[in-house]
């Protein structure tokens, strides 16, 4: 009888695990709402964007948000960056400063 109860419990547990779904993860990329700088305002020589460093508390997959005006930070569990944040900052800076 104990063996039957144990088998039933294991089958029930396996069914519960198989039926459960987790929340899908959403991925985001940085983008700029600024228009690219006009070619006339750029220097005649090439412009190079140096490597970008991001503070350690932001250097993670999950998007970090500040709660209101407080110093509390929240890391989103299912909203992640689609690329390392430092790469995104550099890419967007380059897009804004590149000649059209």
Protein backbone atom coordinates (compact mmCIF):
# COMPACT_ATOMS: atom_id res chain seq x y z
CA UNK A 1 0.00 0.00 0.00
CA UNK A 2 2.83 2.41 0.81
CA UNK A 3 4.44 1.67 -2.53
CA UNK A 4 1.17 2.50 -4.34
CA UNK A 5 0.83 5.78 -2.43
CA UNK A 6 4.44 6.72 -3.18
CA UNK A 7 4.01 5.97 -6.91
CA UNK A 8 0.79 7.99 -6.99
CA UNK A 9 2.50 10.91 -5.25
CA UNK A 10 5.44 10.82 -7.70
CA UNK A 11 3.11 10.72 -10.71
CA UNK A 12 1.09 13.63 -9.28
CA UNK A 13 4.28 15.65 -8.64
CA UNK A 14 5.54 14.97 -12.18
CA UNK A 15 2.22 16.11 -13.64
CA UNK A 16 2.26 19.31 -11.58
CA UNK A 17 5.78 20.15 -12.77
CA UNK A 18 4.90 19.40 -16.38
CA UNK A 19 1.79 21.60 -16.28
CA UNK A 20 3.39 24.63 -14.66
CA UNK A 21 4.64 27.48 -16.83
CA UNK A 22 6.98 30.28 -15.93
CA UNK A 23 6.51 33.86 -16.99
CA UNK A 24 8.24 34.51 -20.34
CA UNK A 25 11.31 36.73 -20.21
CA UNK A 26 11.20 39.94 -22.27
CA UNK A 27 14.40 41.35 -23.79
CA UNK A 28 15.10 45.01 -24.55
CA UNK A 29 17.72 47.08 -26.39
CA UNK A 30 18.65 50.67 -25.67
CA UNK A 31 17.59 53.20 -28.26
CA UNK A 32 17.89 56.94 -28.53
CA UNK A 33 15.04 59.27 -29.25
CA UNK A 34 17.55 61.94 -30.29
CA UNK A 35 18.04 62.71 -33.94
CA UNK A 36 21.57 62.04 -35.19
CA UNK A 37 23.91 65.01 -35.02
CA UNK A 38 24.14 66.86 -38.33
CA UNK A 39 27.30 66.30 -40.36
CA UNK A 40 28.12 70.01 -40.33
CA UNK A 41 28.42 70.07 -36.55
CA UNK A 42 30.82 67.11 -36.40
CA UNK A 43 34.59 67.60 -36.54
CA UNK A 44 36.27 67.05 -39.91
CA UNK A 45 38.26 64.11 -38.56
CA UNK A 46 36.86 60.85 -37.36
CA UNK A 47 35.29 60.62 -33.94
CA UNK A 48 35.93 57.58 -31.75
CA UNK A 49 33.77 56.44 -28.84
CA UNK A 50 35.92 55.06 -26.02
CA UNK A 51 34.95 51.97 -24.01
CA UNK A 52 32.06 52.55 -21.67
CA UNK A 53 31.98 51.47 -18.04
CA UNK A 54 28.69 50.87 -16.28
CA UNK A 55 28.40 50.91 -12.48
CA UNK A 56 28.48 47.42 -10.96
CA UNK A 57 24.93 47.66 -9.62
CA UNK A 58 23.67 48.18 -13.20
CA UNK A 59 25.95 45.58 -14.81
CA UNK A 60 23.46 42.69 -14.86
CA UNK A 61 20.97 41.08 -17.21
CA UNK A 62 17.85 42.34 -15.41
CA UNK A 63 16.79 45.94 -15.93
CA UNK A 64 17.39 48.04 -12.80
CA UNK A 65 14.85 50.73 -11.93
CA UNK A 66 14.67 53.29 -9.15
CA UNK A 67 11.52 53.36 -7.04
CA UNK A 68 10.12 56.90 -7.19
CA UNK A 69 12.45 59.50 -5.68
CA UNK A 70 13.94 57.06 -3.16
CA UNK A 71 17.30 55.32 -3.24
CA UNK A 72 15.64 51.91 -3.51
CA UNK A 73 16.46 49.91 -6.64
CA UNK A 74 14.42 47.08 -8.15
CA UNK A 75 15.87 44.48 -10.50
CA UNK A 76 13.29 43.16 -12.96
CA UNK A 77 13.18 39.39 -12.98
CA UNK A 78 11.58 38.88 -16.40
CA UNK A 79 12.73 42.08 -18.20
CA UNK A 80 16.34 41.71 -19.35
CA UNK A 81 18.77 43.57 -21.58
CA UNK A 82 19.28 41.91 -24.96
CA UNK A 83 22.97 42.89 -24.91
CA UNK A 84 25.47 43.93 -22.24
CA UNK A 85 24.46 47.40 -21.06
CA UNK A 86 27.89 48.93 -21.74
CA UNK A 87 27.67 47.72 -25.38
CA UNK A 88 24.20 49.25 -25.72
CA UNK A 89 25.34 52.64 -24.38
CA UNK A 90 28.29 52.66 -26.74
CA UNK A 91 26.17 51.56 -29.73
CA UNK A 92 23.53 54.26 -29.14
CA UNK A 93 26.20 56.95 -28.65
CA UNK A 94 27.84 55.90 -31.90
CA UNK A 95 24.47 55.96 -33.73
CA UNK A 96 23.77 59.52 -32.57
CA UNK A 97 27.25 60.77 -33.50
CA UNK A 98 27.67 58.99 -36.85
CA UNK A 99 27.41 61.00 -40.02
CA UNK A 100 24.28 60.14 -42.03
